[in-house]
Amino acid sequence: MKYLCLVYANENNLHSLPESPHDSECHAYASQAADTGVLLAGQALQPVETATTVRVRGDQVTVTDGPFAETKEQLAGFYMIDARDLNEAIAFAEKIPPARVGSIEVRPVRELDV
């Protein structure tokens, strides 16, 4: 089953705390997961100030700068994995380096029939 592991962290603290991961550590973890076939895709995201939110209500399209909601933590990246079950997905997520300074949301992917 596919799971999306969403990495949330305070962008101001993501790289400045003593326990903050370095990009090389994140890359090594992703490379290891890719080599085992668990990692299907993953990327870090640009800072939240580069985000654009699009809303459609009826015929009205609204485009605003920034994320959908103001929060302490921002979406910093993601890992798309293939795991047997939620327990295996959680075991993967707890080893994602930014989990030390933020949080990882683990969510099953709903396959669309297209």
PDB file of N, CA and C in Angstrom:
ATOM      1  N   MET A   1       0.841  -1.175   0.000  1.00  0.00           N
ATOM      2  CA  MET A   1       0.000   0.000   0.000  1.00  0.00           C
ATOM      3  C   MET A   1       0.890   1.243   0.000  1.00  0.00           C
ATOM      4  N   LYS A   2       0.447   2.259  -0.709  1.00  0.00           N
ATOM      5  CA  LYS A   2       1.215   3.499  -0.758  1.00  0.00           C
ATOM      6  C   LYS A   2       0.815   4.417   0.396  1.00  0.00           C
ATOM      7  N   TYR A   3       1.827   5.059   0.972  1.00  0.00           N
ATOM      8  CA  TYR A   3       1.625   6.042   2.032  1.00  0.00           C
ATOM      9  C   TYR A   3       2.414   7.291   1.679  1.00  0.00           C
ATOM     10  N   LEU A   4       1.854   8.437   2.037  1.00  0.00           N
ATOM     11  CA  LEU A   4       2.561   9.697   1.897  1.00  0.00           C
ATOM     12  C   LEU A   4       2.984  10.144   3.293  1.00  0.00           C
ATOM     13  N   CYS A   5       4.264  10.357   3.460  1.00  0.00           N
ATOM     14  CA  CYS A   5       4.809  10.851   4.719  1.00  0.00           C
ATOM     15  C   CYS A   5       5.112  12.332   4.519  1.00  0.00           C
ATOM     16  N   LEU A   6       4.281  13.180   5.113  1.00  0.00           N
ATOM     17  CA  LEU A   6       4.402  14.629   4.966  1.00  0.00           C
ATOM     18  C   LEU A   6       5.260  15.175   6.090  1.00  0.00           C
ATOM     19  N   VAL A   7       6.299  15.897   5.727  1.00  0.00           N
ATOM     20  CA  VAL A   7       7.246  16.448   6.697  1.00  0.00           C
ATOM     21  C   VAL A   7       6.825  17.870   7.044  1.00  0.00           C
ATOM     22  N   TYR A   8       6.509  18.105   8.320  1.00  0.00           N
ATOM     23  CA  TYR A   8       6.148  19.438   8.795  1.00  0.00           C
ATOM     24  C   TYR A   8       7.199  19.917   9.774  1.00  0.00           C
ATOM     25  N   ALA A   9       7.596  21.177   9.641  1.00  0.00           N
ATOM     26  CA  ALA A   9       8.569  21.763  10.556  1.00  0.00           C
ATOM     27  C   ALA A   9       8.430  23.276  10.516  1.00  0.00           C
ATOM     28  N   ASN A  10       8.861  23.912  11.572  1.00  0.00           N
ATOM     29  CA  ASN A  10       8.945  25.363  11.595  1.00  0.00           C
ATOM     30  C   ASN A  10      10.146  25.739  10.734  1.00  0.00           C
ATOM     31  N   GLU A  11       9.900  26.426   9.630  1.00  0.00           N
ATOM     32  CA  GLU A  11      10.993  26.745   8.700  1.00  0.00           C
ATOM     33  C   GLU A  11      12.109  27.535   9.369  1.00  0.00           C
ATOM     34  N   ASN A  12      11.763  28.336  10.355  1.00  0.00           N
ATOM     35  CA  ASN A  12      12.782  29.128  11.045  1.00  0.00           C
ATOM     36  C   ASN A  12      13.720  28.262  11.870  1.00  0.00           C
ATOM     37  N   ASN A  13      13.249  27.090  12.301  1.00  0.00           N
ATOM     38  CA  ASN A  13      14.055  26.201  13.148  1.00  0.00           C
ATOM     39  C   ASN A  13      14.579  24.971  12.421  1.00  0.00           C
ATOM     40  N   LEU A  14      14.091  24.718  11.234  1.00  0.00           N
ATOM     41  CA  LEU A  14      14.390  23.451  10.549  1.00  0.00           C
ATOM     42  C   LEU A  14      15.880  23.171  10.439  1.00  0.00           C
ATOM     43  N   HIS A  15      16.693  24.191  10.186  1.00  0.00           N
ATOM     44  CA  HIS A  15      18.121  23.973  10.005  1.00  0.00           C
ATOM     45  C   HIS A  15      18.976  24.651  11.072  1.00  0.00           C
ATOM     46  N   SER A  16      18.335  25.216  12.100  1.00  0.00           N
ATOM     47  CA  SER A  16      19.103  26.000  13.064  1.00  0.00           C
ATOM     48  C   SER A  16      19.224  25.378  14.450  1.00  0.00           C
ATOM     49  N   LEU A  17      18.505  24.324  14.735  1.00  0.00           N
ATOM     50  CA  LEU A  17      18.582  23.677  16.044  1.00  0.00           C
ATOM     51  C   LEU A  17      19.734  22.674  16.075  1.00  0.00           C
ATOM     52  N   PRO A  18      20.286  22.410  17.263  1.00  0.00           N
ATOM     53  CA  PRO A  18      21.401  21.446  17.345  1.00  0.00           C
ATOM     54  C   PRO A  18      21.045  20.066  16.778  1.00  0.00           C
ATOM     55  N   GLU A  19      19.799  19.638  16.942  1.00  0.00           N
ATOM     56  CA  GLU A  19      19.388  18.314  16.448  1.00  0.00           C
ATOM     57  C   GLU A  19      18.852  18.353  15.017  1.00  0.00           C
ATOM     58  N   SER A  20      18.922  19.519  14.369  1.00  0.00           N
ATOM     59  CA  SER A  20      18.429  19.651  12.997  1.00  0.00           C
ATOM     60  C   SER A  20      19.218  18.765  12.039  1.00  0.00           C
ATOM     61  N   PRO A  21      18.520  18.101  11.115  1.00  0.00           N
ATOM     62  CA  PRO A  21      19.221  17.280  10.127  1.00  0.00           C
ATOM     63  C   PRO A  21      19.857  18.143   9.045  1.00  0.00           C
ATOM     64  N   HIS A  22      20.920  17.650   8.466  1.00  0.00           N
ATOM     65  CA  HIS A  22      21.548  18.293   7.316  1.00  0.00           C
ATOM     66  C   HIS A  22      20.995  17.643   6.050  1.00  0.00           C
ATOM     67  N   ASP A  23      21.034  18.360   4.948  1.00  0.00           N
ATOM     68  CA  ASP A  23      20.528  17.820   3.689  1.00  0.00           C
ATOM     69  C   ASP A  23      21.196  16.488   3.351  1.00  0.00           C
ATOM     70  N   SER A  24      22.478  16.354   3.669  1.00  0.00           N
ATOM     71  CA  SER A  24      23.192  15.117   3.346  1.00  0.00           C
ATOM     72  C   SER A  24      22.600  13.926   4.106  1.00  0.00           C
ATOM     73  N   GLU A  25      22.160  14.137   5.341  1.00  0.00           N
ATOM     74  CA  GLU A  25      21.542  13.059   6.115  1.00  0.00           C
ATOM     75  C   GLU A  25      20.200  12.659   5.503  1.00  0.00           C
ATOM     76  N   CYS A  26      19.415  13.645   5.104  1.00  0.00           N
ATOM     77  CA  CYS A  26      18.129  13.359   4.466  1.00  0.00           C
ATOM     78  C   CYS A  26      18.334  12.626   3.138  1.00  0.00           C
ATOM     79  N   HIS A  27      19.334  13.056   2.380  1.00  0.00           N
ATOM     80  CA  HIS A  27      19.634  12.411   1.100  1.00  0.00           C
ATOM     81  C   HIS A  27      20.068  10.965   1.317  1.00  0.00           C
ATOM     82  N   ALA A  28      20.889  10.716   2.321  1.00  0.00           N
ATOM     83  CA  ALA A  28      21.352   9.353   2.602  1.00  0.00           C
ATOM     84  C   ALA A  28      20.181   8.453   2.986  1.00  0.00           C
ATOM     85  N   TYR A  29      19.272   8.969   3.818  1.00  0.00           N
ATOM     86  CA  TYR A  29      18.103   8.167   4.216  1.00  0.00           C
ATOM     87  C   TYR A  29      17.231   7.860   3.008  1.00  0.00           C
ATOM     88  N   ALA A  30      16.995   8.867   2.150  1.00  0.00           N
ATOM     89  CA  ALA A  30      16.181   8.656   0.963  1.00  0.00           C
ATOM     90  C   ALA A  30      16.854   7.679  -0.005  1.00  0.00           C
ATOM     91  N   SER A  31      18.165   7.786  -0.160  1.00  0.00           N
ATOM     92  CA  SER A  31      18.889   6.867  -1.054  1.00  0.00           C
ATOM     93  C   SER A  31      18.789   5.431  -0.569  1.00  0.00           C
ATOM     94  N   GLN A  32      18.957   5.235   0.730  1.00  0.00           N
ATOM     95  CA  GLN A  32      18.840   3.894   1.307  1.00  0.00           C
ATOM     96  C   GLN A  32      17.431   3.333   1.085  1.00  0.00           C
ATOM     97  N   ALA A  33      16.413   4.167   1.305  1.00  0.00           N
ATOM     98  CA  ALA A  33      15.027   3.722   1.120  1.00  0.00           C
ATOM     99  C   ALA A  33      14.734   3.427  -0.347  1.00  0.00           C
ATOM    100  N   ALA A  34      15.300   4.211  -1.242  1.00  0.00           N
ATOM    101  CA  ALA A  34      15.113   3.961  -2.674  1.00  0.00           C
ATOM    102  C   ALA A  34      15.781   2.647  -3.080  1.00  0.00           C
ATOM    103  N   ASP A  35      16.947   2.389  -2.532  1.00  0.00           N
ATOM    104  CA  ASP A  35      17.669   1.155  -2.857  1.00  0.00           C
ATOM    105  C   ASP A  35      16.902  -0.085  -2.426  1.00  0.00           C
ATOM    106  N   THR A  36      16.132   0.006  -1.339  1.00  0.00           N
ATOM    107  CA  THR A  36      15.350  -1.137  -0.860  1.00  0.00           C
ATOM    108  C   THR A  36      13.989  -1.230  -1.535  1.00  0.00           C
ATOM    109  N   GLY A  37      13.641  -0.228  -2.344  1.00  0.00           N
ATOM    110  CA  GLY A  37      12.360  -0.246  -3.046  1.00  0.00           C
ATOM    111  C   GLY A  37      11.205   0.334  -2.248  1.00  0.00           C
ATOM    112  N   VAL A  38      11.464   0.821  -1.051  1.00  0.00           N
ATOM    113  CA  VAL A  38      10.400   1.389  -0.219  1.00  0.00           C
ATOM    114  C   VAL A  38      10.027   2.789  -0.703  1.00  0.00           C
ATOM    115  N   LEU A  39      11.024   3.605  -1.017  1.00  0.00           N
ATOM    116  CA  LEU A  39      10.775   4.982  -1.431  1.00  0.00           C
ATOM    117  C   LEU A  39      10.380   5.033  -2.894  1.00  0.00           C
ATOM    118  N   LEU A  40       9.199   5.577  -3.166  1.00  0.00           N
ATOM    119  CA  LEU A  40       8.725   5.725  -4.537  1.00  0.00           C
ATOM    120  C   LEU A  40       9.034   7.118  -5.081  1.00  0.00           C
ATOM    121  N   ALA A  41       8.973   8.133  -4.215  1.00  0.00           N
ATOM    122  CA  ALA A  41       9.272   9.516  -4.600  1.00  0.00           C
ATOM    123  C   ALA A  41       9.464  10.324  -3.333  1.00  0.00           C
ATOM    124  N   GLY A  42      10.180  11.405  -3.452  1.00  0.00           N
ATOM    125  CA  GLY A  42      10.361  12.285  -2.312  1.00  0.00           C
ATOM    126  C   GLY A  42      11.083  13.545  -2.727  1.00  0.00           C
ATOM    127  N   GLN A  43      10.711  14.652  -2.110  1.00  0.00           N
ATOM    128  CA  GLN A  43      11.336  15.928  -2.420  1.00  0.00           C
ATOM    129  C   GLN A  43      11.203  16.854  -1.226  1.00  0.00           C
ATOM    130  N   ALA A  44      12.172  17.743  -1.105  1.00  0.00           N
ATOM    131  CA  ALA A  44      12.045  18.874  -0.187  1.00  0.00           C
ATOM    132  C   ALA A  44      11.329  19.984  -0.952  1.00  0.00           C
ATOM    133  N   LEU A  45      10.644  20.841  -0.218  1.00  0.00           N
ATOM    134  CA  LEU A  45       9.923  21.938  -0.854  1.00  0.00           C
ATOM    135  C   LEU A  45      10.635  23.264  -0.617  1.00  0.00           C
ATOM    136  N   GLN A  46      10.427  24.196  -1.518  1.00  0.00           N
ATOM    137  CA  GLN A  46      10.944  25.554  -1.352  1.00  0.00           C
ATOM    138  C   GLN A  46      10.241  26.186  -0.141  1.00  0.00           C
ATOM    139  N   PRO A  47      10.790  27.278   0.411  1.00  0.00           N
ATOM    140  CA  PRO A  47      10.182  27.915   1.580  1.00  0.00           C
ATOM    141  C   PRO A  47       8.723  28.304   1.348  1.00  0.00           C
ATOM    142  N   VAL A  48       7.984  28.389   2.434  1.00  0.00           N
ATOM    143  CA  VAL A  48       6.543  28.640   2.377  1.00  0.00           C
ATOM    144  C   VAL A  48       6.211  29.960   1.683  1.00  0.00           C
ATOM    145  N   GLU A  49       7.107  30.942   1.723  1.00  0.00           N
ATOM    146  CA  GLU A  49       6.798  32.212   1.065  1.00  0.00           C
ATOM    147  C   GLU A  49       6.725  32.081  -0.450  1.00  0.00           C
ATOM    148  N   THR A  50       7.178  30.957  -1.004  1.00  0.00           N
ATOM    149  CA  THR A  50       7.081  30.736  -2.447  1.00  0.00           C
ATOM    150  C   THR A  50       5.763  30.068  -2.843  1.00  0.00           C
ATOM    151  N   ALA A  51       4.959  29.683  -1.842  1.00  0.00           N
ATOM    152  CA  ALA A  51       3.709  28.964  -2.103  1.00  0.00           C
ATOM    153  C   ALA A  51       2.641  29.897  -2.681  1.00  0.00           C
ATOM    154  N   THR A  52       1.768  29.316  -3.467  1.00  0.00           N
ATOM    155  CA  THR A  52       0.590  30.001  -3.995  1.00  0.00           C
ATOM    156  C   THR A  52      -0.600  29.098  -3.757  1.00  0.00           C
ATOM    157  N   THR A  53      -1.693  29.676  -3.252  1.00  0.00           N
ATOM    158  CA  THR A  53      -2.903  28.905  -2.992  1.00  0.00           C
ATOM    159  C   THR A  53      -3.970  29.300  -4.003  1.00  0.00           C
ATOM    160  N   VAL A  54      -4.598  28.293  -4.613  1.00  0.00           N
ATOM    161  CA  VAL A  54      -5.658  28.503  -5.600  1.00  0.00           C
ATOM    162  C   VAL A  54      -6.959  27.957  -5.025  1.00  0.00           C
ATOM    163  N   ARG A  55      -8.011  28.780  -5.062  1.00  0.00           N
ATOM    164  CA  ARG A  55      -9.337  28.351  -4.612  1.00  0.00           C
ATOM    165  C   ARG A  55     -10.337  28.626  -5.738  1.00  0.00           C
ATOM    166  N   VAL A  56     -11.248  27.684  -5.939  1.00  0.00           N
ATOM    167  CA  VAL A  56     -12.314  27.872  -6.919  1.00  0.00           C
ATOM    168  C   VAL A  56     -13.635  27.729  -6.177  1.00  0.00           C
ATOM    169  N   ARG A  57     -14.451  28.770  -6.231  1.00  0.00           N
ATOM    170  CA  ARG A  57     -15.782  28.770  -5.617  1.00  0.00           C
ATOM    171  C   ARG A  57     -16.761  29.216  -6.693  1.00  0.00           C
ATOM    172  N   GLY A  58     -17.518  28.253  -7.208  1.00  0.00           N
ATOM    173  CA  GLY A  58     -18.404  28.565  -8.327  1.00  0.00           C
ATOM    174  C   GLY A  58     -17.566  28.943  -9.532  1.00  0.00           C
ATOM    175  N   ASP A  59     -17.808  30.130 -10.066  1.00  0.00           N
ATOM    176  CA  ASP A  59     -17.043  30.616 -11.218  1.00  0.00           C
ATOM    177  C   ASP A  59     -15.868  31.492 -10.811  1.00  0.00           C
ATOM    178  N   GLN A  60     -15.685  31.700  -9.515  1.00  0.00           N
ATOM    179  CA  GLN A  60     -14.640  32.587  -9.020  1.00  0.00           C
ATOM    180  C   GLN A  60     -13.358  31.821  -8.699  1.00  0.00           C
ATOM    181  N   VAL A  61     -12.265  32.266  -9.261  1.00  0.00           N
ATOM    182  CA  VAL A  61     -10.948  31.707  -8.951  1.00  0.00           C
ATOM    183  C   VAL A  61     -10.190  32.762  -8.154  1.00  0.00           C
ATOM    184  N   THR A  62      -9.680  32.358  -6.997  1.00  0.00           N
ATOM    185  CA  THR A  62      -8.895  33.254  -6.166  1.00  0.00           C
ATOM    186  C   THR A  62      -7.498  32.674  -6.035  1.00  0.00           C
ATOM    187  N   VAL A  63      -6.508  33.494  -6.313  1.00  0.00           N
ATOM    188  CA  VAL A  63      -5.112  33.088  -6.185  1.00  0.00           C
ATOM    189  C   VAL A  63      -4.480  34.005  -5.149  1.00  0.00           C
ATOM    190  N   THR A  64      -3.904  33.383  -4.093  1.00  0.00           N
ATOM    191  CA  THR A  64      -3.268  34.177  -3.045  1.00  0.00           C
ATOM    192  C   THR A  64      -1.867  33.656  -2.792  1.00  0.00           C
ATOM    193  N   ASP A  65      -1.020  34.557  -2.351  1.00  0.00           N
ATOM    194  CA  ASP A  65       0.337  34.163  -1.981  1.00  0.00           C
ATOM    195  C   ASP A  65       0.297  33.421  -0.660  1.00  0.00           C
ATOM    196  N   GLY A  66       1.167  32.443  -0.524  1.00  0.00           N
ATOM    197  CA  GLY A  66       1.318  31.743   0.737  1.00  0.00           C
ATOM    198  C   GLY A  66       0.501  30.479   0.826  1.00  0.00           C
ATOM    199  N   PRO A  67       0.652  29.802   1.954  1.00  0.00           N
ATOM    200  CA  PRO A  67      -0.035  28.528   2.168  1.00  0.00           C
ATOM    201  C   PRO A  67      -1.505  28.750   2.501  1.00  0.00           C
ATOM    202  N   PHE A  68      -2.233  27.654   2.564  1.00  0.00           N
ATOM    203  CA  PHE A  68      -3.668  27.683   2.844  1.00  0.00           C
ATOM    204  C   PHE A  68      -3.966  28.236   4.229  1.00  0.00           C
ATOM    205  N   ALA A  69      -3.170  27.889   5.223  1.00  0.00           N
ATOM    206  CA  ALA A  69      -3.451  28.291   6.601  1.00  0.00           C
ATOM    207  C   ALA A  69      -2.181  28.786   7.276  1.00  0.00           C
ATOM    208  N   GLU A  70      -2.349  29.668   8.218  1.00  0.00           N
ATOM    209  CA  GLU A  70      -1.237  30.129   9.045  1.00  0.00           C
ATOM    210  C   GLU A  70      -1.032  29.120  10.163  1.00  0.00           C
ATOM    211  N   THR A  71       0.152  28.566  10.264  1.00  0.00           N
ATOM    212  CA  THR A  71       0.450  27.588  11.300  1.00  0.00           C
ATOM    213  C   THR A  71       1.873  27.783  11.789  1.00  0.00           C
ATOM    214  N   LYS A  72       2.188  27.147  12.930  1.00  0.00           N
ATOM    215  CA  LYS A  72       3.556  27.194  13.438  1.00  0.00           C
ATOM    216  C   LYS A  72       4.492  26.389  12.544  1.00  0.00           C
ATOM    217  N   GLU A  73       3.990  25.271  12.024  1.00  0.00           N
ATOM    218  CA  GLU A  73       4.811  24.403  11.192  1.00  0.00           C
ATOM    219  C   GLU A  73       4.318  24.457   9.759  1.00  0.00           C
ATOM    220  N   GLN A  74       5.254  24.355   8.835  1.00  0.00           N
ATOM    221  CA  GLN A  74       4.926  24.387   7.422  1.00  0.00           C
ATOM    222  C   GLN A  74       5.297  23.052   6.781  1.00  0.00           C
ATOM    223  N   LEU A  75       4.631  22.755   5.684  1.00  0.00           N
ATOM    224  CA  LEU A  75       4.959  21.560   4.913  1.00  0.00           C
ATOM    225  C   LEU A  75       6.322  21.779   4.274  1.00  0.00           C
ATOM    226  N   ALA A  76       7.279  20.950   4.640  1.00  0.00           N
ATOM    227  CA  ALA A  76       8.661  21.130   4.185  1.00  0.00           C
ATOM    228  C   ALA A  76       9.065  20.132   3.108  1.00  0.00           C
ATOM    229  N   GLY A  77       8.364  19.012   3.008  1.00  0.00           N
ATOM    230  CA  GLY A  77       8.716  18.008   2.018  1.00  0.00           C
ATOM    231  C   GLY A  77       7.846  16.773   2.180  1.00  0.00           C
ATOM    232  N   PHE A  78       8.141  15.753   1.384  1.00  0.00           N
ATOM    233  CA  PHE A  78       7.350  14.525   1.451  1.00  0.00           C
ATOM    234  C   PHE A  78       8.171  13.326   1.009  1.00  0.00           C
ATOM    235  N   TYR A  79       7.723  12.173   1.455  1.00  0.00           N
ATOM    236  CA  TYR A  79       8.245  10.882   1.021  1.00  0.00           C
ATOM    237  C   TYR A  79       7.027  10.039   0.628  1.00  0.00           C
ATOM    238  N   MET A  80       6.989   9.535  -0.585  1.00  0.00           N
ATOM    239  CA  MET A  80       5.958   8.601  -1.009  1.00  0.00           C
ATOM    240  C   MET A  80       6.569   7.213  -0.885  1.00  0.00           C
ATOM    241  N   ILE A  81       5.951   6.365  -0.062  1.00  0.00           N
ATOM    242  CA  ILE A  81       6.533   5.046   0.178  1.00  0.00           C
ATOM    243  C   ILE A  81       5.541   3.938  -0.136  1.00  0.00           C
ATOM    244  N   ASP A  82       6.072   2.738  -0.272  1.00  0.00           N
ATOM    245  CA  ASP A  82       5.278   1.533  -0.426  1.00  0.00           C
ATOM    246  C   ASP A  82       5.537   0.687   0.811  1.00  0.00           C
ATOM    247  N   ALA A  83       4.511   0.489   1.625  1.00  0.00           N
ATOM    248  CA  ALA A  83       4.651  -0.256   2.882  1.00  0.00           C
ATOM    249  C   ALA A  83       3.557  -1.313   2.983  1.00  0.00           C
ATOM    250  N   ARG A  84       3.847  -2.368   3.735  1.00  0.00           N
ATOM    251  CA  ARG A  84       2.865  -3.440   3.930  1.00  0.00           C
ATOM    252  C   ARG A  84       1.611  -2.932   4.614  1.00  0.00           C
ATOM    253  N   ASP A  85       1.800  -2.076   5.638  1.00  0.00           N
ATOM    254  CA  ASP A  85       0.679  -1.603   6.436  1.00  0.00           C
ATOM    255  C   ASP A  85       1.083  -0.323   7.165  1.00  0.00           C
ATOM    256  N   LEU A  86       0.159   0.201   7.960  1.00  0.00           N
ATOM    257  CA  LEU A  86       0.421   1.446   8.669  1.00  0.00           C
ATOM    258  C   LEU A  86       1.600   1.314   9.630  1.00  0.00           C
ATOM    259  N   ASN A  87       1.736   0.192  10.276  1.00  0.00           N
ATOM    260  CA  ASN A  87       2.854   0.001  11.209  1.00  0.00           C
ATOM    261  C   ASN A  87       4.200   0.107  10.500  1.00  0.00           C
ATOM    262  N   GLU A  88       4.316  -0.486   9.326  1.00  0.00           N
ATOM    263  CA  GLU A  88       5.558  -0.383   8.565  1.00  0.00           C
ATOM    264  C   GLU A  88       5.787   1.062   8.103  1.00  0.00           C
ATOM    265  N   ALA A  89       4.710   1.758   7.728  1.00  0.00           N
ATOM    266  CA  ALA A  89       4.832   3.163   7.312  1.00  0.00           C
ATOM    267  C   ALA A  89       5.283   4.033   8.486  1.00  0.00           C
ATOM    268  N   ILE A  90       4.766   3.776   9.672  1.00  0.00           N
ATOM    269  CA  ILE A  90       5.176   4.529  10.862  1.00  0.00           C
ATOM    270  C   ILE A  90       6.634   4.251  11.189  1.00  0.00           C
ATOM    271  N   ALA A  91       7.046   3.011  11.062  1.00  0.00           N
ATOM    272  CA  ALA A  91       8.453   2.665  11.318  1.00  0.00           C
ATOM    273  C   ALA A  91       9.371   3.417  10.361  1.00  0.00           C
ATOM    274  N   PHE A  92       8.951   3.587   9.112  1.00  0.00           N
ATOM    275  CA  PHE A  92       9.723   4.374   8.150  1.00  0.00           C
ATOM    276  C   PHE A  92       9.743   5.843   8.567  1.00  0.00           C
ATOM    277  N   ALA A  93       8.564   6.380   8.892  1.00  0.00           N
ATOM    278  CA  ALA A  93       8.424   7.803   9.210  1.00  0.00           C
ATOM    279  C   ALA A  93       9.228   8.214  10.432  1.00  0.00           C
ATOM    280  N   GLU A  94       9.326   7.341  11.411  1.00  0.00           N
ATOM    281  CA  GLU A  94      10.041   7.736  12.634  1.00  0.00           C
ATOM    282  C   GLU A  94      11.538   7.878  12.412  1.00  0.00           C
ATOM    283  N   LYS A  95      12.030   7.367  11.284  1.00  0.00           N
ATOM    284  CA  LYS A  95      13.458   7.488  10.967  1.00  0.00           C
ATOM    285  C   LYS A  95      13.756   8.640  10.005  1.00  0.00           C
ATOM    286  N   ILE A  96      12.721   9.341   9.532  1.00  0.00           N
ATOM    287  CA  ILE A  96      12.941  10.493   8.656  1.00  0.00           C
ATOM    288  C   ILE A  96      13.628  11.564   9.497  1.00  0.00           C
ATOM    289  N   PRO A  97      14.819  12.012   9.099  1.00  0.00           N
ATOM    290  CA  PRO A  97      15.602  12.920   9.944  1.00  0.00           C
ATOM    291  C   PRO A  97      14.871  14.159  10.472  1.00  0.00           C
ATOM    292  N   PRO A  98      14.051  14.860   9.682  1.00  0.00           N
ATOM    293  CA  PRO A  98      13.377  16.043  10.234  1.00  0.00           C
ATOM    294  C   PRO A  98      12.347  15.744  11.330  1.00  0.00           C
ATOM    295  N   ALA A  99      12.031  14.483  11.557  1.00  0.00           N
ATOM    296  CA  ALA A  99      11.100  14.151  12.646  1.00  0.00           C
ATOM    297  C   ALA A  99      11.646  14.618  13.991  1.00  0.00           C
ATOM    298  N   ARG A 100      12.977  14.790  14.072  1.00  0.00           N
ATOM    299  CA  ARG A 100      13.597  15.234  15.330  1.00  0.00           C
ATOM    300  C   ARG A 100      13.247  16.669  15.673  1.00  0.00           C
ATOM    301  N   VAL A 101      12.909  17.482  14.683  1.00  0.00           N
ATOM    302  CA  VAL A 101      12.623  18.895  14.938  1.00  0.00           C
ATOM    303  C   VAL A 101      11.226  19.309  14.488  1.00  0.00           C
ATOM    304  N   GLY A 102      10.478  18.405  13.894  1.00  0.00           N
ATOM    305  CA  GLY A 102       9.134  18.706  13.413  1.00  0.00           C
ATOM    306  C   GLY A 102       8.234  17.509  13.619  1.00  0.00           C
ATOM    307  N   SER A 103       7.397  17.231  12.657  1.00  0.00           N
ATOM    308  CA  SER A 103       6.508  16.077  12.741  1.00  0.00           C
ATOM    309  C   SER A 103       6.326  15.488  11.352  1.00  0.00           C
ATOM    310  N   ILE A 104       5.921  14.228  11.328  1.00  0.00           N
ATOM    311  CA  ILE A 104       5.675  13.528  10.074  1.00  0.00           C
ATOM    312  C   ILE A 104       4.231  13.037  10.098  1.00  0.00           C
ATOM    313  N   GLU A 105       3.445  13.489   9.154  1.00  0.00           N
ATOM    314  CA  GLU A 105       2.071  12.994   9.018  1.00  0.00           C
ATOM    315  C   GLU A 105       2.095  11.826   8.048  1.00  0.00           C
ATOM    316  N   VAL A 106       1.586  10.686   8.463  1.00  0.00           N
ATOM    317  CA  VAL A 106       1.544   9.482   7.623  1.00  0.00           C
ATOM    318  C   VAL A 106       0.101   9.297   7.171  1.00  0.00           C
ATOM    319  N   ARG A 107      -0.085   9.272   5.853  1.00  0.00           N
ATOM    320  CA  ARG A 107      -1.435   9.167   5.336  1.00  0.00           C
ATOM    321  C   ARG A 107      -1.478   8.176   4.176  1.00  0.00           C
ATOM    322  N   PRO A 108      -2.432   7.220   4.214  1.00  0.00           N
ATOM    323  CA  PRO A 108      -2.573   6.301   3.088  1.00  0.00           C
ATOM    324  C   PRO A 108      -2.996   7.046   1.831  1.00  0.00           C
ATOM    325  N   VAL A 109      -2.512   6.581   0.708  1.00  0.00           N
ATOM    326  CA  VAL A 109      -2.886   7.164  -0.581  1.00  0.00           C
ATOM    327  C   VAL A 109      -4.135   6.466  -1.085  1.00  0.00           C
ATOM    328  N   ARG A 110      -5.098   7.248  -1.514  1.00  0.00           N
ATOM    329  CA  ARG A 110      -6.330   6.700  -2.087  1.00  0.00           C
ATOM    330  C   ARG A 110      -6.133   6.652  -3.596  1.00  0.00           C
ATOM    331  N   GLU A 111      -6.130   5.474  -4.133  1.00  0.00           N
ATOM    332  CA  GLU A 111      -5.926   5.301  -5.577  1.00  0.00           C
ATOM    333  C   GLU A 111      -7.192   5.745  -6.310  1.00  0.00           C
ATOM    334  N   LEU A 112      -7.004   6.508  -7.374  1.00  0.00           N
ATOM    335  CA  LEU A 112      -8.116   6.974  -8.194  1.00  0.00           C
ATOM    336  C   LEU A 112      -8.239   6.105  -9.440  1.00  0.00           C
ATOM    337  N   ASP A 113      -9.454   5.764  -9.795  1.00  0.00           N
ATOM    338  CA  ASP A 113      -9.707   5.029 -11.025  1.00  0.00           C
ATOM    339  C   ASP A 113      -9.836   6.035 -12.163  1.00  0.00           C
ATOM    340  N   VAL A 114      -8.752   6.179 -12.922  1.00  0.00           N
ATOM    341  CA  VAL A 114      -8.785   7.113 -14.056  1.00  0.00           C
ATOM    342  C   VAL A 114      -8.387   6.415 -15.332  1.00  0.00           C
TER     343      VAL A 114
END
